[in-house]
PDB file of N, CA and C in Angstrom:
ATOM      1  N   MET A   1       0.863  -1.165   0.022  1.00  0.00           N
ATOM      2  CA  MET A   1       0.152  -0.022  -0.038  1.00  0.00           C
ATOM      3  C   MET A   1       0.761   1.145   0.100  1.00  0.00           C
ATOM      4  N   GLN A   2       0.729   2.131  -0.909  1.00  0.00           N
ATOM      5  CA  GLN A   2       1.446   3.270  -0.865  1.00  0.00           C
ATOM      6  C   GLN A   2       1.034   4.506   0.096  1.00  0.00           C
ATOM      7  N   GLU A   3       1.885   5.074   0.613  1.00  0.00           N
ATOM      8  CA  GLU A   3       1.705   6.136   1.607  1.00  0.00           C
ATOM      9  C   GLU A   3       1.283   7.379   0.874  1.00  0.00           C
ATOM     10  N   GLN A   4       0.407   8.149   1.407  1.00  0.00           N
ATOM     11  CA  GLN A   4       0.071   9.374   0.734  1.00  0.00           C
ATOM     12  C   GLN A   4       0.972  10.403   1.160  1.00  0.00           C
ATOM     13  N   THR A   5       1.407  11.342   0.099  1.00  0.00           N
ATOM     14  CA  THR A   5       2.304  12.313   0.320  1.00  0.00           C
ATOM     15  C   THR A   5       1.409  13.559   0.916  1.00  0.00           C
ATOM     16  N   LYS A   6       1.725  14.071   2.057  1.00  0.00           N
ATOM     17  CA  LYS A   6       1.148  15.215   2.472  1.00  0.00           C
ATOM     18  C   LYS A   6       1.996  16.433   2.217  1.00  0.00           C
ATOM     19  N   THR A   7       1.216  17.493   1.765  1.00  0.00           N
ATOM     20  CA  THR A   7       2.046  18.608   1.352  1.00  0.00           C
ATOM     21  C   THR A   7       1.441  19.978   2.263  1.00  0.00           C
ATOM     22  N   ALA A   8       2.435  20.844   2.268  1.00  0.00           N
ATOM     23  CA  ALA A   8       1.991  22.181   3.001  1.00  0.00           C
ATOM     24  C   ALA A   8       2.572  23.396   2.434  1.00  0.00           C
ATOM     25  N   LEU A   9       1.969  24.476   2.547  1.00  0.00           N
ATOM     26  CA  LEU A   9       2.352  25.857   2.100  1.00  0.00           C
ATOM     27  C   LEU A   9       2.692  26.596   3.416  1.00  0.00           C
ATOM     28  N   VAL A  10       3.858  27.301   3.317  1.00  0.00           N
ATOM     29  CA  VAL A  10       4.047  28.189   4.658  1.00  0.00           C
ATOM     30  C   VAL A  10       4.467  29.555   3.837  1.00  0.00           C
ATOM     31  N   LEU A  11       3.612  30.556   4.104  1.00  0.00           N
ATOM     32  CA  LEU A  11       3.738  31.820   3.776  1.00  0.00           C
ATOM     33  C   LEU A  11       4.205  32.614   4.885  1.00  0.00           C
ATOM     34  N   ASP A  12       5.587  33.173   5.099  1.00  0.00           N
ATOM     35  CA  ASP A  12       5.960  34.029   6.066  1.00  0.00           C
ATOM     36  C   ASP A  12       7.278  34.667   5.506  1.00  0.00           C
ATOM     37  N   ASP A  13       7.433  36.105   5.800  1.00  0.00           N
ATOM     38  CA  ASP A  13       8.492  36.793   5.394  1.00  0.00           C
ATOM     39  C   ASP A  13       9.796  36.663   6.344  1.00  0.00           C
ATOM     40  N   GLU A  14       9.381  36.226   7.618  1.00  0.00           N
ATOM     41  CA  GLU A  14      10.376  35.950   8.512  1.00  0.00           C
ATOM     42  C   GLU A  14      11.110  34.581   8.287  1.00  0.00           C
ATOM     43  N   MET A  15      12.082  34.415   7.701  1.00  0.00           N
ATOM     44  CA  MET A  15      12.919  33.028   7.231  1.00  0.00           C
ATOM     45  C   MET A  15      13.021  32.158   8.496  1.00  0.00           C
ATOM     46  N   LEU A  16      13.484  32.761   9.647  1.00  0.00           N
ATOM     47  CA  LEU A  16      13.876  31.825  10.740  1.00  0.00           C
ATOM     48  C   LEU A  16      12.687  31.157  11.169  1.00  0.00           C
ATOM     49  N   ILE A  17      11.546  31.972  11.270  1.00  0.00           N
ATOM     50  CA  ILE A  17      10.195  31.278  11.803  1.00  0.00           C
ATOM     51  C   ILE A  17       9.579  30.337  10.686  1.00  0.00           C
ATOM     52  N   ALA A  18       9.783  30.851   9.422  1.00  0.00           N
ATOM     53  CA  ALA A  18       9.294  29.860   8.265  1.00  0.00           C
ATOM     54  C   ALA A  18      10.009  28.607   8.445  1.00  0.00           C
ATOM     55  N   LEU A  19      11.275  28.695   8.454  1.00  0.00           N
ATOM     56  CA  LEU A  19      11.982  27.429   8.478  1.00  0.00           C
ATOM     57  C   LEU A  19      11.772  26.558   9.740  1.00  0.00           C
ATOM     58  N   ASP A  20      11.421  27.295  10.864  1.00  0.00           N
ATOM     59  CA  ASP A  20      10.995  26.540  12.000  1.00  0.00           C
ATOM     60  C   ASP A  20       9.782  25.754  11.890  1.00  0.00           C
ATOM     61  N   VAL A  21       8.609  26.574  11.206  1.00  0.00           N
ATOM     62  CA  VAL A  21       7.486  25.929  10.943  1.00  0.00           C
ATOM     63  C   VAL A  21       7.605  24.821  10.007  1.00  0.00           C
ATOM     64  N   GLU A  22       8.536  24.876   8.956  1.00  0.00           N
ATOM     65  CA  GLU A  22       8.730  23.769   8.029  1.00  0.00           C
ATOM     66  C   GLU A  22       9.213  22.657   8.685  1.00  0.00           C
ATOM     67  N   ALA A  23      10.260  22.760   9.755  1.00  0.00           N
ATOM     68  CA  ALA A  23      10.859  21.759  10.375  1.00  0.00           C
ATOM     69  C   ALA A  23       9.630  20.901  11.221  1.00  0.00           C
ATOM     70  N   MET A  24       8.761  21.865  11.832  1.00  0.00           N
ATOM     71  CA  MET A  24       7.782  21.238  12.478  1.00  0.00           C
ATOM     72  C   MET A  24       6.796  20.515  11.697  1.00  0.00           C
ATOM     73  N   LEU A  25       6.388  20.946  10.520  1.00  0.00           N
ATOM     74  CA  LEU A  25       5.509  20.322   9.538  1.00  0.00           C
ATOM     75  C   LEU A  25       6.106  18.873   9.214  1.00  0.00           C
ATOM     76  N   PHE A  26       7.460  18.978   8.838  1.00  0.00           N
ATOM     77  CA  PHE A  26       8.129  17.660   8.534  1.00  0.00           C
ATOM     78  C   PHE A  26       7.991  16.734   9.688  1.00  0.00           C
ATOM     79  N   ASP A  27       8.296  17.173  10.952  1.00  0.00           N
ATOM     80  CA  ASP A  27       8.059  16.241  12.113  1.00  0.00           C
ATOM     81  C   ASP A  27       6.597  15.729  12.206  1.00  0.00           C
ATOM     82  N   LEU A  28       5.689  16.484  11.767  1.00  0.00           N
ATOM     83  CA  LEU A  28       4.122  16.149  11.862  1.00  0.00           C
ATOM     84  C   LEU A  28       3.865  15.291  10.652  1.00  0.00           C
ATOM     85  N   GLY A  29       4.757  14.975   9.904  1.00  0.00           N
ATOM     86  CA  GLY A  29       4.571  13.908   8.735  1.00  0.00           C
ATOM     87  C   GLY A  29       4.260  14.495   7.360  1.00  0.00           C
ATOM     88  N   TYR A  30       4.472  15.787   7.185  1.00  0.00           N
ATOM     89  CA  TYR A  30       4.460  16.506   6.019  1.00  0.00           C
ATOM     90  C   TYR A  30       5.660  16.265   5.083  1.00  0.00           C
ATOM     91  N   SER A  31       5.601  15.608   3.851  1.00  0.00           N
ATOM     92  CA  SER A  31       6.711  15.226   3.189  1.00  0.00           C
ATOM     93  C   SER A  31       7.356  16.519   2.250  1.00  0.00           C
ATOM     94  N   ARG A  32       6.393  17.325   1.793  1.00  0.00           N
ATOM     95  CA  ARG A  32       6.736  18.388   0.989  1.00  0.00           C
ATOM     96  C   ARG A  32       6.202  19.568   1.618  1.00  0.00           C
ATOM     97  N   VAL A  33       6.970  20.575   1.839  1.00  0.00           N
ATOM     98  CA  VAL A  33       6.673  21.971   2.430  1.00  0.00           C
ATOM     99  C   VAL A  33       7.250  22.959   1.611  1.00  0.00           C
ATOM    100  N   ALA A  34       6.290  23.830   1.039  1.00  0.00           N
ATOM    101  CA  ALA A  34       6.717  24.937   0.101  1.00  0.00           C
ATOM    102  C   ALA A  34       6.720  26.169   1.043  1.00  0.00           C
ATOM    103  N   VAL A  35       7.988  26.813   1.132  1.00  0.00           N
ATOM    104  CA  VAL A  35       8.205  28.056   1.884  1.00  0.00           C
ATOM    105  C   VAL A  35       8.281  29.282   1.088  1.00  0.00           C
ATOM    106  N   VAL A  36       7.470  30.187   1.146  1.00  0.00           N
ATOM    107  CA  VAL A  36       7.337  31.339   0.145  1.00  0.00           C
ATOM    108  C   VAL A  36       7.403  32.622   1.044  1.00  0.00           C
ATOM    109  N   PRO A  37       7.972  33.602   0.707  1.00  0.00           N
ATOM    110  CA  PRO A  37       8.077  35.005   1.485  1.00  0.00           C
ATOM    111  C   PRO A  37       7.244  36.082   1.139  1.00  0.00           C
ATOM    112  N   SER A  38       6.357  35.855   0.105  1.00  0.00           N
ATOM    113  CA  SER A  38       5.551  36.885  -0.159  1.00  0.00           C
ATOM    114  C   SER A  38       4.084  36.488  -0.787  1.00  0.00           C
ATOM    115  N   VAL A  39       3.231  37.352  -0.840  1.00  0.00           N
ATOM    116  CA  VAL A  39       1.758  37.172  -1.184  1.00  0.00           C
ATOM    117  C   VAL A  39       1.827  36.722  -2.626  1.00  0.00           C
ATOM    118  N   GLY A  40       2.688  37.468  -3.465  1.00  0.00           N
ATOM    119  CA  GLY A  40       2.730  37.211  -4.879  1.00  0.00           C
ATOM    120  C   GLY A  40       3.224  35.635  -5.249  1.00  0.00           C
ATOM    121  N   GLU A  41       4.270  35.319  -4.504  1.00  0.00           N
ATOM    122  CA  GLU A  41       4.809  34.020  -4.493  1.00  0.00           C
ATOM    123  C   GLU A  41       3.998  32.907  -4.113  1.00  0.00           C
ATOM    124  N   ALA A  42       3.121  33.223  -3.094  1.00  0.00           N
ATOM    125  CA  ALA A  42       2.060  32.229  -2.662  1.00  0.00           C
ATOM    126  C   ALA A  42       1.036  32.160  -3.659  1.00  0.00           C
ATOM    127  N   LEU A  43       0.560  33.144  -4.280  1.00  0.00           N
ATOM    128  CA  LEU A  43      -0.403  33.056  -5.351  1.00  0.00           C
ATOM    129  C   LEU A  43      -0.037  32.222  -6.476  1.00  0.00           C
ATOM    130  N   ASP A  44       1.210  32.601  -6.896  1.00  0.00           N
ATOM    131  CA  ASP A  44       1.852  31.802  -7.935  1.00  0.00           C
ATOM    132  C   ASP A  44       1.895  30.376  -7.568  1.00  0.00           C
ATOM    133  N   TYR A  45       2.368  30.107  -6.502  1.00  0.00           N
ATOM    134  CA  TYR A  45       2.416  28.597  -6.147  1.00  0.00           C
ATOM    135  C   TYR A  45       1.085  27.879  -6.203  1.00  0.00           C
ATOM    136  N   LEU A  46       0.038  28.713  -5.656  1.00  0.00           N
ATOM    137  CA  LEU A  46      -1.249  28.114  -5.478  1.00  0.00           C
ATOM    138  C   LEU A  46      -1.900  27.974  -6.990  1.00  0.00           C
ATOM    139  N   SER A  47      -1.556  28.778  -7.959  1.00  0.00           N
ATOM    140  CA  SER A  47      -2.005  28.697  -9.490  1.00  0.00           C
ATOM    141  C   SER A  47      -1.472  27.211  -9.829  1.00  0.00           C
ATOM    142  N   LYS A  48      -0.619  26.547  -9.388  1.00  0.00           N
ATOM    143  CA  LYS A  48      -0.067  25.334  -9.959  1.00  0.00           C
ATOM    144  C   LYS A  48      -0.139  24.141  -8.967  1.00  0.00           C
ATOM    145  N   ASN A  49      -0.422  24.581  -7.719  1.00  0.00           N
ATOM    146  CA  ASN A  49      -0.434  23.431  -6.702  1.00  0.00           C
ATOM    147  C   ASN A  49      -1.576  23.706  -5.646  1.00  0.00           C
ATOM    148  N   ARG A  50      -2.028  22.484  -5.101  1.00  0.00           N
ATOM    149  CA  ARG A  50      -2.960  22.595  -4.078  1.00  0.00           C
ATOM    150  C   ARG A  50      -2.411  21.763  -2.926  1.00  0.00           C
ATOM    151  N   PRO A  51      -1.934  22.549  -1.829  1.00  0.00           N
ATOM    152  CA  PRO A  51      -1.427  21.746  -0.683  1.00  0.00           C
ATOM    153  C   PRO A  51      -2.414  21.211   0.155  1.00  0.00           C
ATOM    154  N   ASP A  52      -2.265  20.303   0.931  1.00  0.00           N
ATOM    155  CA  ASP A  52      -3.107  19.654   1.917  1.00  0.00           C
ATOM    156  C   ASP A  52      -3.358  20.588   3.156  1.00  0.00           C
ATOM    157  N   VAL A  53      -2.425  21.488   3.738  1.00  0.00           N
ATOM    158  CA  VAL A  53      -2.633  22.550   4.512  1.00  0.00           C
ATOM    159  C   VAL A  53      -1.878  23.692   4.215  1.00  0.00           C
ATOM    160  N   ALA A  54      -2.071  24.932   4.986  1.00  0.00           N
ATOM    161  CA  ALA A  54      -1.405  25.930   4.761  1.00  0.00           C
ATOM    162  C   ALA A  54      -1.193  26.785   6.244  1.00  0.00           C
ATOM    163  N   VAL A  55       0.061  27.328   6.424  1.00  0.00           N
ATOM    164  CA  VAL A  55       0.144  28.163   7.488  1.00  0.00           C
ATOM    165  C   VAL A  55       0.735  29.344   7.141  1.00  0.00           C
ATOM    166  N   ILE A  56      -0.100  30.408   7.135  1.00  0.00           N
ATOM    167  CA  ILE A  56       0.255  31.754   6.648  1.00  0.00           C
ATOM    168  C   ILE A  56       0.299  32.891   7.711  1.00  0.00           C
ATOM    169  N   ASP A  57       1.188  33.826   7.512  1.00  0.00           N
ATOM    170  CA  ASP A  57       1.422  34.973   8.413  1.00  0.00           C
ATOM    171  C   ASP A  57       0.323  36.049   7.804  1.00  0.00           C
ATOM    172  N   TYR A  58      -0.175  36.644   8.963  1.00  0.00           N
ATOM    173  CA  TYR A  58      -1.203  37.772   8.446  1.00  0.00           C
ATOM    174  C   TYR A  58      -0.386  38.911   7.724  1.00  0.00           C
ATOM    175  N   HIS A  59       0.665  39.307   8.280  1.00  0.00           N
ATOM    176  CA  HIS A  59       1.421  40.570   7.552  1.00  0.00           C
ATOM    177  C   HIS A  59       2.634  39.861   6.944  1.00  0.00           C
ATOM    178  N   VAL A  60       2.711  40.241   5.576  1.00  0.00           N
ATOM    179  CA  VAL A  60       3.925  39.635   4.952  1.00  0.00           C
ATOM    180  C   VAL A  60       4.301  40.846   4.056  1.00  0.00           C
ATOM    181  N   ARG A  61       5.449  41.236   4.233  1.00  0.00           N
ATOM    182  CA  ARG A  61       6.168  42.399   3.497  1.00  0.00           C
ATOM    183  C   ARG A  61       5.298  43.521   3.510  1.00  0.00           C
ATOM    184  N   GLY A  62       4.613  43.959   4.570  1.00  0.00           N
ATOM    185  CA  GLY A  62       3.688  45.097   4.667  1.00  0.00           C
ATOM    186  C   GLY A  62       2.407  44.978   3.998  1.00  0.00           C
ATOM    187  N   LYS A  63       1.972  43.699   3.628  1.00  0.00           N
ATOM    188  CA  LYS A  63       0.786  43.433   3.042  1.00  0.00           C
ATOM    189  C   LYS A  63      -0.040  42.406   3.923  1.00  0.00           C
ATOM    190  N   ASN A  64      -1.367  42.424   4.010  1.00  0.00           N
ATOM    191  CA  ASN A  64      -2.015  41.204   4.733  1.00  0.00           C
ATOM    192  C   ASN A  64      -2.334  40.426   3.660  1.00  0.00           C
ATOM    193  N   CYS A  65      -2.455  39.091   4.229  1.00  0.00           N
ATOM    194  CA  CYS A  65      -2.511  37.804   3.312  1.00  0.00           C
ATOM    195  C   CYS A  65      -3.960  37.486   2.889  1.00  0.00           C
ATOM    196  N   GLU A  66      -4.954  38.532   2.904  1.00  0.00           N
ATOM    197  CA  GLU A  66      -6.347  38.105   2.539  1.00  0.00           C
ATOM    198  C   GLU A  66      -6.401  37.557   1.092  1.00  0.00           C
ATOM    199  N   PRO A  67      -5.691  38.109   0.033  1.00  0.00           N
ATOM    200  CA  PRO A  67      -5.793  37.287  -1.218  1.00  0.00           C
ATOM    201  C   PRO A  67      -5.451  35.800  -1.168  1.00  0.00           C
ATOM    202  N   VAL A  68      -4.323  35.380  -0.411  1.00  0.00           N
ATOM    203  CA  VAL A  68      -3.869  34.138  -0.358  1.00  0.00           C
ATOM    204  C   VAL A  68      -5.006  33.332   0.583  1.00  0.00           C
ATOM    205  N   ALA A  69      -5.380  33.941   1.639  1.00  0.00           N
ATOM    206  CA  ALA A  69      -6.303  33.306   2.524  1.00  0.00           C
ATOM    207  C   ALA A  69      -7.619  32.928   1.835  1.00  0.00           C
ATOM    208  N   GLY A  70      -8.015  33.996   1.034  1.00  0.00           N
ATOM    209  CA  GLY A  70      -9.282  33.811   0.223  1.00  0.00           C
ATOM    210  C   GLY A  70      -9.186  32.708  -0.871  1.00  0.00           C
ATOM    211  N   LEU A  71      -8.108  32.557  -1.510  1.00  0.00           N
ATOM    212  CA  LEU A  71      -7.852  31.485  -2.521  1.00  0.00           C
ATOM    213  C   LEU A  71      -7.863  30.173  -1.879  1.00  0.00           C
ATOM    214  N   LEU A  72      -7.076  30.136  -0.681  1.00  0.00           N
ATOM    215  CA  LEU A  72      -6.959  28.844  -0.025  1.00  0.00           C
ATOM    216  C   LEU A  72      -8.429  28.448   0.543  1.00  0.00           C
ATOM    217  N   ARG A  73      -9.161  29.313   1.000  1.00  0.00           N
ATOM    218  CA  ARG A  73     -10.619  28.986   1.214  1.00  0.00           C
ATOM    219  C   ARG A  73     -11.349  28.518   0.218  1.00  0.00           C
ATOM    220  N   SER A  74     -11.227  29.192  -0.985  1.00  0.00           N
ATOM    221  CA  SER A  74     -11.958  28.671  -2.224  1.00  0.00           C
ATOM    222  C   SER A  74     -11.498  27.193  -2.656  1.00  0.00           C
ATOM    223  N   LEU A  75     -10.378  26.840  -2.368  1.00  0.00           N
ATOM    224  CA  LEU A  75      -9.694  25.664  -2.670  1.00  0.00           C
ATOM    225  C   LEU A  75      -9.962  24.551  -1.556  1.00  0.00           C
ATOM    226  N   ALA A  76     -10.620  25.025  -0.603  1.00  0.00           N
ATOM    227  CA  ALA A  76     -10.822  24.101   0.648  1.00  0.00           C
ATOM    228  C   ALA A  76      -9.660  23.618   1.322  1.00  0.00           C
ATOM    229  N   VAL A  77      -8.579  24.488   1.298  1.00  0.00           N
ATOM    230  CA  VAL A  77      -7.394  24.053   1.934  1.00  0.00           C
ATOM    231  C   VAL A  77      -7.379  24.411   3.333  1.00  0.00           C
ATOM    232  N   PRO A  78      -7.228  23.531   4.331  1.00  0.00           N
ATOM    233  CA  PRO A  78      -7.232  23.890   5.833  1.00  0.00           C
ATOM    234  C   PRO A  78      -6.075  24.842   5.992  1.00  0.00           C
ATOM    235  N   THR A  79      -6.412  25.919   6.580  1.00  0.00           N
ATOM    236  CA  THR A  79      -5.487  27.078   6.754  1.00  0.00           C
ATOM    237  C   THR A  79      -5.482  27.553   8.183  1.00  0.00           C
ATOM    238  N   ILE A  80      -4.313  27.924   8.666  1.00  0.00           N
ATOM    239  CA  ILE A  80      -4.258  28.642  10.004  1.00  0.00           C
ATOM    240  C   ILE A  80      -3.444  29.971   9.813  1.00  0.00           C
ATOM    241  N   ILE A  81      -3.700  30.976  10.525  1.00  0.00           N
ATOM    242  CA  ILE A  81      -2.987  32.094  10.457  1.00  0.00           C
ATOM    243  C   ILE A  81      -2.027  32.168  11.655  1.00  0.00           C
ATOM    244  N   HIS A  82      -0.681  32.363  11.290  1.00  0.00           N
ATOM    245  CA  HIS A  82       0.317  32.046  12.122  1.00  0.00           C
ATOM    246  C   HIS A  82       0.944  33.486  12.360  1.00  0.00           C
ATOM    247  N   SER A  83       0.605  34.217  13.452  1.00  0.00           N
ATOM    248  CA  SER A  83       0.806  35.741  13.402  1.00  0.00           C
ATOM    249  C   SER A  83       1.218  36.175  14.739  1.00  0.00           C
ATOM    250  N   GLY A  84       2.067  37.324  14.780  1.00  0.00           N
ATOM    251  CA  GLY A  84       2.647  37.689  15.977  1.00  0.00           C
ATOM    252  C   GLY A  84       1.543  38.575  16.689  1.00  0.00           C
ATOM    253  N   THR A  85       0.446  38.784  16.169  1.00  0.00           N
ATOM    254  CA  THR A  85      -0.594  39.278  17.003  1.00  0.00           C
ATOM    255  C   THR A  85      -1.769  38.384  17.176  1.00  0.00           C
ATOM    256  N   HIS A  86      -2.529  38.768  18.143  1.00  0.00           N
ATOM    257  CA  HIS A  86      -3.828  37.752  18.442  1.00  0.00           C
ATOM    258  C   HIS A  86      -4.945  38.415  17.559  1.00  0.00           C
ATOM    259  N   PHE A  87      -5.786  37.712  17.278  1.00  0.00           N
ATOM    260  CA  PHE A  87      -6.856  38.145  16.427  1.00  0.00           C
ATOM    261  C   PHE A  87      -7.770  39.107  16.976  1.00  0.00           C
ATOM    262  N   ASP A  88      -8.020  40.224  16.444  1.00  0.00           N
ATOM    263  CA  ASP A  88      -8.778  41.304  16.713  1.00  0.00           C
ATOM    264  C   ASP A  88      -9.865  41.624  15.607  1.00  0.00           C
ATOM    265  N   PRO A  89     -11.109  41.426  15.880  1.00  0.00           N
ATOM    266  CA  PRO A  89     -11.978  41.539  14.804  1.00  0.00           C
ATOM    267  C   PRO A  89     -12.100  43.103  14.299  1.00  0.00           C
ATOM    268  N   GLU A  90     -11.784  44.112  15.049  1.00  0.00           N
ATOM    269  CA  GLU A  90     -11.728  45.523  14.767  1.00  0.00           C
ATOM    270  C   GLU A  90     -10.523  45.791  13.975  1.00  0.00           C
ATOM    271  N   TYR A  91      -9.423  45.023  13.985  1.00  0.00           N
ATOM    272  CA  TYR A  91      -8.286  45.361  13.165  1.00  0.00           C
ATOM    273  C   TYR A  91      -8.255  44.342  11.990  1.00  0.00           C
ATOM    274  N   HIS A  92      -8.349  43.195  12.222  1.00  0.00           N
ATOM    275  CA  HIS A  92      -8.246  41.920  11.130  1.00  0.00           C
ATOM    276  C   HIS A  92      -9.352  41.872  10.264  1.00  0.00           C
ATOM    277  N   GLY A  93     -10.694  42.264  10.938  1.00  0.00           N
ATOM    278  CA  GLY A  93     -11.890  42.056  10.120  1.00  0.00           C
ATOM    279  C   GLY A  93     -12.513  40.826  10.329  1.00  0.00           C
ATOM    280  N   VAL A  94     -13.766  40.737   9.997  1.00  0.00           N
ATOM    281  CA  VAL A  94     -14.529  39.411  10.196  1.00  0.00           C
ATOM    282  C   VAL A  94     -14.082  38.273   9.330  1.00  0.00           C
ATOM    283  N   PHE A  95     -13.639  38.430   8.088  1.00  0.00           N
ATOM    284  CA  PHE A  95     -13.081  37.478   7.329  1.00  0.00           C
ATOM    285  C   PHE A  95     -12.264  36.505   8.002  1.00  0.00           C
ATOM    286  N   PHE A  96     -11.074  37.179   8.749  1.00  0.00           N
ATOM    287  CA  PHE A  96     -10.066  36.374   9.392  1.00  0.00           C
ATOM    288  C   PHE A  96     -10.503  35.696  10.607  1.00  0.00           C
ATOM    289  N   GLY A  97     -11.785  36.065  11.120  1.00  0.00           N
ATOM    290  CA  GLY A  97     -12.115  35.293  12.256  1.00  0.00           C
ATOM    291  C   GLY A  97     -12.681  33.924  12.130  1.00  0.00           C
ATOM    292  N   ASN A  98     -12.611  33.612  10.726  1.00  0.00           N
ATOM    293  CA  ASN A  98     -13.121  32.194  10.475  1.00  0.00           C
ATOM    294  C   ASN A  98     -11.967  31.197  10.398  1.00  0.00           C
ATOM    295  N   PHE A  99     -10.676  31.590  10.618  1.00  0.00           N
ATOM    296  CA  PHE A  99      -9.430  30.898  10.502  1.00  0.00           C
ATOM    297  C   PHE A  99      -9.009  30.679  11.971  1.00  0.00           C
ATOM    298  N   PRO A 100      -8.286  29.545  12.149  1.00  0.00           N
ATOM    299  CA  PRO A 100      -7.701  29.278  13.370  1.00  0.00           C
ATOM    300  C   PRO A 100      -6.449  30.136  13.449  1.00  0.00           C
ATOM    301  N   TRP A 101      -6.176  30.780  14.634  1.00  0.00           N
ATOM    302  CA  TRP A 101      -5.041  31.753  14.825  1.00  0.00           C
ATOM    303  C   TRP A 101      -4.041  31.033  15.681  1.00  0.00           C
ATOM    304  N   LEU A 102      -2.940  31.193  15.508  1.00  0.00           N
ATOM    305  CA  LEU A 102      -1.880  30.649  16.232  1.00  0.00           C
ATOM    306  C   LEU A 102      -0.672  31.743  16.398  1.00  0.00           C
ATOM    307  N   SER A 103      -0.322  31.881  17.633  1.00  0.00           N
ATOM    308  CA  SER A 103       0.768  33.038  18.069  1.00  0.00           C
ATOM    309  C   SER A 103       2.024  32.637  17.662  1.00  0.00           C
ATOM    310  N   LYS A 104       2.833  33.575  17.113  1.00  0.00           N
ATOM    311  CA  LYS A 104       4.359  33.196  16.983  1.00  0.00           C
ATOM    312  C   LYS A 104       5.118  33.546  18.237  1.00  0.00           C
ATOM    313  N   PRO A 105       6.094  32.930  18.405  1.00  0.00           N
ATOM    314  CA  PRO A 105       6.550  31.671  18.022  1.00  0.00           C
ATOM    315  C   PRO A 105       5.599  30.616  18.590  1.00  0.00           C
ATOM    316  N   SER A 106       5.615  29.469  17.967  1.00  0.00           N
ATOM    317  CA  SER A 106       4.705  28.385  18.421  1.00  0.00           C
ATOM    318  C   SER A 106       5.438  27.069  18.608  1.00  0.00           C
ATOM    319  N   SER A 107       4.887  26.196  19.358  1.00  0.00           N
ATOM    320  CA  SER A 107       5.377  24.865  19.572  1.00  0.00           C
ATOM    321  C   SER A 107       4.767  23.886  18.541  1.00  0.00           C
ATOM    322  N   ARG A 108       5.416  22.818  18.420  1.00  0.00           N
ATOM    323  CA  ARG A 108       5.030  21.675  17.464  1.00  0.00           C
ATOM    324  C   ARG A 108       3.545  21.136  17.881  1.00  0.00           C
ATOM    325  N   GLU A 109       3.444  21.127  19.280  1.00  0.00           N
ATOM    326  CA  GLU A 109       2.188  20.789  19.784  1.00  0.00           C
ATOM    327  C   GLU A 109       1.002  21.749  19.433  1.00  0.00           C
ATOM    328  N   HIS A 110       1.306  22.963  19.571  1.00  0.00           N
ATOM    329  CA  HIS A 110       0.261  24.023  19.256  1.00  0.00           C
ATOM    330  C   HIS A 110       0.002  24.055  17.684  1.00  0.00           C
ATOM    331  N   LEU A 111       1.150  23.932  17.029  1.00  0.00           N
ATOM    332  CA  LEU A 111       0.814  23.865  15.617  1.00  0.00           C
ATOM    333  C   LEU A 111      -0.103  22.645  15.244  1.00  0.00           C
ATOM    334  N   ALA A 112       0.273  21.426  15.760  1.00  0.00           N
ATOM    335  CA  ALA A 112      -0.538  20.246  15.383  1.00  0.00           C
ATOM    336  C   ALA A 112      -1.874  20.511  15.891  1.00  0.00           C
ATOM    337  N   SER A 113      -2.320  21.041  16.876  1.00  0.00           N
ATOM    338  CA  SER A 113      -3.651  21.479  17.451  1.00  0.00           C
ATOM    339  C   SER A 113      -4.359  22.318  16.526  1.00  0.00           C
ATOM    340  N   ALA A 114      -3.735  23.400  16.123  1.00  0.00           N
ATOM    341  CA  ALA A 114      -4.147  24.294  15.221  1.00  0.00           C
ATOM    342  C   ALA A 114      -4.729  23.882  13.908  1.00  0.00           C
ATOM    343  N   LEU A 115      -3.720  22.961  13.415  1.00  0.00           N
ATOM    344  CA  LEU A 115      -3.923  22.232  12.058  1.00  0.00           C
ATOM    345  C   LEU A 115      -5.143  21.263  12.188  1.00  0.00           C
ATOM    346  N   ALA A 116      -5.321  20.653  13.415  1.00  0.00           N
ATOM    347  CA  ALA A 116      -6.510  19.749  13.544  1.00  0.00           C
ATOM    348  C   ALA A 116      -7.646  20.389  13.582  1.00  0.00           C
ATOM    349  N   VAL A 117      -7.587  21.719  14.150  1.00  0.00           N
ATOM    350  CA  VAL A 117      -8.861  22.497  14.038  1.00  0.00           C
ATOM    351  C   VAL A 117      -9.216  22.889  12.550  1.00  0.00           C
ATOM    352  N   ALA A 118      -8.205  23.379  11.987  1.00  0.00           N
ATOM    353  CA  ALA A 118      -8.383  23.672  10.547  1.00  0.00           C
ATOM    354  C   ALA A 118      -8.856  22.700   9.578  1.00  0.00           C
ATOM    355  N   ILE A 119      -8.349  21.566   9.853  1.00  0.00           N
ATOM    356  CA  ILE A 119      -8.764  20.363   9.008  1.00  0.00           C
ATOM    357  C   ILE A 119     -10.247  19.997   9.402  1.00  0.00           C
ATOM    358  N   ASP A 120     -10.561  19.970  10.532  1.00  0.00           N
ATOM    359  CA  ASP A 120     -11.923  19.761  10.963  1.00  0.00           C
ATOM    360  C   ASP A 120     -12.939  20.832  10.442  1.00  0.00           C
ATOM    361  N   GLN A 121     -12.584  22.146  10.471  1.00  0.00           N
ATOM    362  CA  GLN A 121     -13.405  23.132   9.868  1.00  0.00           C
ATOM    363  C   GLN A 121     -13.477  22.919   8.372  1.00  0.00           C
ATOM    364  N   SER A 122     -12.476  22.520   7.759  1.00  0.00           N
ATOM    365  CA  SER A 122     -12.426  22.275   6.369  1.00  0.00           C
ATOM    366  C   SER A 122     -13.385  21.238   5.934  1.00  0.00           C
ATOM    367  N   LYS A 123     -13.405  20.186   6.735  1.00  0.00           N
ATOM    368  CA  LYS A 123     -14.469  19.073   6.423  1.00  0.00           C
ATOM    369  C   LYS A 123     -15.766  19.495   6.669  1.00  0.00           C
ATOM    370  N   LEU A 124     -16.108  20.325   7.649  1.00  0.00           N
ATOM    371  CA  LEU A 124     -17.398  20.802   7.800  1.00  0.00           C
ATOM    372  C   LEU A 124     -17.927  21.738   6.541  1.00  0.00           C
ATOM    373  N   THR A 125     -16.875  22.442   6.018  1.00  0.00           N
ATOM    374  CA  THR A 125     -17.561  23.288   4.801  1.00  0.00           C
ATOM    375  C   THR A 125     -17.423  22.486   3.595  1.00  0.00           C
ATOM    376  N   THR A 126     -16.721  21.284   3.535  1.00  0.00           N
ATOM    377  CA  THR A 126     -16.901  20.709   2.071  1.00  0.00           C
ATOM    378  C   THR A 126     -17.663  19.479   2.072  1.00  0.00           C
ATOM    379  N   ASP A 127     -18.223  18.996   3.271  1.00  0.00           N
ATOM    380  CA  ASP A 127     -19.142  17.889   3.394  1.00  0.00           C
ATOM    381  C   ASP A 127     -20.516  18.320   2.931  1.00  0.00           C
TER     382      ASP A 127
END
């Protein structure tokens, strides 16, 4: 029986944090992880690929990640927002309240928990 390859997208412009998240995803069983540092590169990646999960920063090079988050949602990709700020509906808007938020820096256990929530949420919207 062939094992399924699990893939992930990491969008973060802080390379040390992105590489830490990448290592945690490998530890969690993801065999391919694409790390991109900009909204444009994430959109380009998503035009050719559909990852199993995504971990994206809210602020990337001075821009918010709404275009990426919206595309991930339309593709039904379980997504978490990995941010240095806590979710604030006044600042981040209602759209981002529908994603699990994970504070930076995070542990592998917290990342795994947030991914489980995102995967469960994704199943509810695609069933």
